[in-house]
Protein backbone atom coordinates (compact mmCIF):
# COMPACT_ATOMS: atom_id res chain seq x y z
CA MET A 1 5.94 20.81 7.33
CA THR A 2 8.64 22.80 5.57
CA GLN A 3 11.36 21.21 3.53
CA THR A 4 13.95 21.91 6.20
CA GLU A 5 11.97 20.18 8.96
CA SER A 6 12.41 16.49 9.56
CA LEU A 7 9.60 14.10 10.30
CA THR A 8 8.97 13.02 13.86
CA LEU A 9 9.06 9.24 13.91
CA PRO A 10 8.29 6.89 16.80
CA ALA A 11 11.32 5.69 18.74
CA SER A 12 10.35 2.09 18.17
CA MET A 13 8.91 0.72 14.97
CA GLU A 14 8.53 -2.83 13.79
CA PRO A 15 9.74 -2.88 10.14
CA ASP A 16 9.38 -6.67 9.83
CA ASN A 17 5.74 -7.05 10.79
CA PRO A 18 2.83 -9.13 9.42
CA LEU A 19 1.72 -6.28 7.13
CA TRP A 20 5.20 -6.03 5.59
CA ARG A 21 5.39 -9.80 5.11
CA TYR A 22 1.91 -9.71 3.50
CA ALA A 23 3.09 -6.93 1.15
CA LEU A 24 6.18 -8.91 0.16
CA ALA A 25 4.08 -12.02 -0.50
CA CYS A 26 1.62 -10.02 -2.62
CA TRP A 27 4.47 -8.52 -4.62
CA GLN A 28 5.65 -12.02 -5.55
CA LYS A 29 2.46 -12.41 -7.61
CA PRO A 30 3.07 -10.57 -10.91
CA ASP A 31 -0.64 -10.14 -11.70
CA LEU A 32 -1.28 -8.70 -8.24
CA ALA A 33 1.71 -6.34 -8.47
CA GLU A 34 0.57 -5.19 -11.94
CA ALA A 35 -2.96 -4.49 -10.67
CA CYS A 36 -1.57 -2.40 -7.80
CA LEU A 37 0.77 -0.48 -10.10
CA ALA A 38 -2.05 0.20 -12.58
CA LEU A 39 -4.05 1.84 -9.80
CA GLN A 40 -0.94 3.70 -8.60
CA GLU A 41 -0.74 5.28 -12.05
CA GLN A 42 -4.26 6.63 -11.39
CA GLY A 43 -3.21 8.27 -8.13
CA TRP A 44 -3.71 5.42 -5.66
CA SER A 45 -1.26 4.60 -2.89
CA VAL A 46 -0.02 1.02 -3.11
CA THR A 47 0.57 0.98 0.63
CA ARG A 48 -3.08 1.99 1.23
CA ILE A 49 -4.14 -0.78 -1.17
CA LEU A 50 -2.06 -3.30 0.75
CA CYS A 51 -3.38 -2.06 4.11
CA ALA A 52 -6.95 -2.38 2.81
CA GLY A 53 -6.25 -5.87 1.46
CA TRP A 54 -4.49 -7.05 4.59
CA LEU A 55 -7.31 -5.84 6.81
CA GLY A 56 -9.85 -7.44 4.45
CA VAL A 57 -8.21 -10.85 4.50
CA ASN A 58 -8.24 -10.58 8.27
CA GLY A 59 -11.97 -9.84 8.26
CA ARG A 60 -11.58 -6.20 9.27
CA ALA A 61 -13.10 -3.12 7.69
CA PHE A 62 -10.75 -0.34 6.58
CA THR A 63 -12.00 3.10 7.58
CA GLY A 64 -9.66 4.84 5.18
CA ILE A 65 -8.33 6.96 8.05
CA GLU A 66 -4.63 6.69 8.60
CA ASP A 67 -2.17 8.26 10.97
CA ALA A 68 -0.82 11.64 9.85
CA LYS A 69 2.73 10.28 10.12
CA VAL A 70 1.94 7.70 7.43
CA THR A 71 0.54 10.33 5.09
CA GLU A 72 3.44 12.70 5.78
CA TRP A 73 6.00 9.97 5.18
CA ARG A 74 4.28 8.92 1.94
CA GLU A 75 4.11 12.49 0.63
CA HIS A 76 7.54 13.72 1.69
CA VAL A 77 9.75 10.63 1.60
CA THR A 78 8.31 7.74 -0.44
CA GLY A 79 6.75 10.06 -3.01
CA GLY A 80 9.91 12.14 -3.35
CA ILE A 81 12.11 9.10 -3.90
CA ARG A 82 9.60 7.63 -6.39
CA SER A 83 9.45 10.91 -8.28
CA ALA A 84 13.24 11.08 -8.48
CA ARG A 85 13.45 7.47 -9.70
CA LYS A 86 10.78 8.01 -12.35
CA SER A 87 12.60 11.11 -13.60
CA ILE A 88 15.54 8.98 -14.68
CA PRO A 89 15.06 7.17 -18.01
CA ARG A 90 14.75 3.43 -17.44
CA HIS A 91 17.29 2.35 -20.07
CA HIS A 92 19.84 5.17 -19.74
CA ALA A 93 23.08 3.29 -19.06
CA PRO A 94 25.05 6.11 -17.39
CA THR A 95 22.35 6.57 -14.73
CA HIS A 96 21.40 2.91 -14.32
CA GLU A 97 23.09 2.55 -10.90
CA LEU A 98 21.47 5.72 -9.59
CA ARG A 99 18.03 4.53 -10.72
CA ARG A 100 18.64 1.14 -9.09
CA ALA A 101 19.76 2.79 -5.83
CA LEU A 102 16.64 4.97 -5.83
CA ALA A 103 14.47 1.88 -6.41
CA GLU A 104 16.09 0.24 -3.36
CA ALA A 105 15.59 3.42 -1.31
CA GLU A 106 11.95 3.54 -2.44
CA LEU A 107 11.42 -0.02 -1.20
CA GLN A 108 12.97 0.87 2.18
CA ALA A 109 10.75 3.97 2.37
CA GLU A 110 7.69 1.80 1.66
CA GLN A 111 8.75 -0.61 4.41
CA THR A 112 8.97 2.32 6.85
CA GLU A 113 5.59 3.58 5.62
CA LEU A 114 4.04 0.16 6.28
CA ALA A 115 5.75 -0.01 9.69
CA LEU A 116 4.15 3.33 10.56
CA ALA A 117 0.79 2.06 9.29
CA TRP A 118 1.17 -1.19 11.20
CA GLN A 119 1.45 0.71 14.49
CA THR A 120 -2.06 2.13 14.18
CA LEU A 121 -3.89 -0.16 11.75
CA TYR A 122 -5.83 -2.21 14.27
CA GLU A 123 -6.40 0.77 16.57
CA ARG A 124 -8.02 2.79 13.78
CA ASN A 125 -9.82 -0.13 12.13
CA PRO A 126 -11.23 -2.15 15.04
CA GLU A 127 -14.49 -2.96 13.31
CA VAL A 128 -14.80 -6.54 12.20
CA ALA A 129 -16.57 -6.57 8.85
CA SER A 130 -20.05 -8.02 8.98
CA MET A 131 -19.82 -9.53 5.50
CA GLN A 132 -18.73 -13.13 5.16
CA ASN A 133 -17.32 -12.93 1.63
CA CYS A 134 -13.62 -12.03 1.64
CA THR A 135 -13.75 -10.40 -1.80
CA SER A 136 -16.66 -8.17 -0.72
CA ILE A 137 -14.78 -7.03 2.37
CA ILE A 138 -11.71 -6.24 0.28
CA VAL A 139 -13.78 -4.33 -2.32
CA GLN A 140 -15.29 -2.18 0.44
CA ASN A 141 -11.84 -1.64 1.95
CA LEU A 142 -10.38 -0.67 -1.43
CA LEU A 143 -13.19 1.82 -1.94
CA SER A 144 -12.27 3.32 1.45
CA ALA A 145 -8.62 3.43 0.37
CA ALA A 146 -9.37 5.04 -2.99
CA PRO A 147 -8.27 8.58 -3.67
CA LEU A 148 -11.33 10.80 -3.97
CA THR A 149 -10.54 11.58 -7.60
CA THR A 150 -10.74 7.96 -8.78
CA ARG A 151 -13.91 6.72 -7.20
CA GLU A 152 -15.63 6.72 -10.59
CA LEU A 153 -17.21 3.60 -12.03
CA GLN A 154 -14.34 3.12 -14.49
CA SER A 155 -12.17 1.96 -11.60
CA MET A 156 -14.75 -0.52 -10.29
CA THR A 157 -13.64 -3.25 -12.69
CA GLN A 158 -10.02 -2.79 -11.62
CA ILE A 159 -11.03 -2.68 -7.95
CA THR A 160 -13.06 -5.88 -8.24
CA GLN A 161 -10.26 -7.63 -10.13
CA LEU A 162 -7.72 -6.54 -7.53
CA ALA A 163 -10.00 -7.69 -4.70
CA ASP A 164 -10.34 -11.08 -6.40
CA LEU A 165 -6.54 -11.34 -6.71
CA LEU A 166 -6.02 -10.37 -3.06
CA ALA A 167 -8.68 -12.84 -1.88
CA GLU A 168 -7.23 -15.60 -4.08
CA HIS A 169 -3.74 -14.86 -2.77
CA SER A 170 -4.99 -15.14 0.81
CA ARG A 171 -6.63 -18.49 0.13
CA ARG A 172 -3.29 -19.82 -1.14
CA SER A 173 -1.27 -18.45 1.75
CA THR A 174 -1.57 -18.58 5.48
CA GLU A 175 -3.84 -15.54 5.70
CA PRO A 176 -7.20 -16.23 7.43
CA CYS A 177 -9.61 -15.12 4.68
């Protein structure tokens, strides 16, 4: 896709879907948000993490395969907005409003990204995980969601901690895990 081309998006999307509501609930937990952001700094996609977690708490295995539209949107829209926001110094008063507006746009881009993912998540991940332990399912899903460059053992502690947080969150909410 060239920079002058626009993305082809489905005519109907469901921005307020169970995956989006799960993501919002997870983000209300500071330790969970911090764990996701720590992995994002290592090249992970938070939306892939949330997809892997959501599928895990629903007893489904994440194949790691996602629709090309999701990947395209993440790379060209969400990533671009995030990059622009991060380029602006956090405490620079004259650009504070611009940084805030970009943060809001980034959140809207993430909601669209999750709406795109939601459309194909169950279709591409139909396999019900055979493991009974929610944390184990989530760990396997996170490993499937991991960028190839960070599948080293150093991330395993973070992955396990994140899986524990996601499983604990699901036990305290209405999620089935």
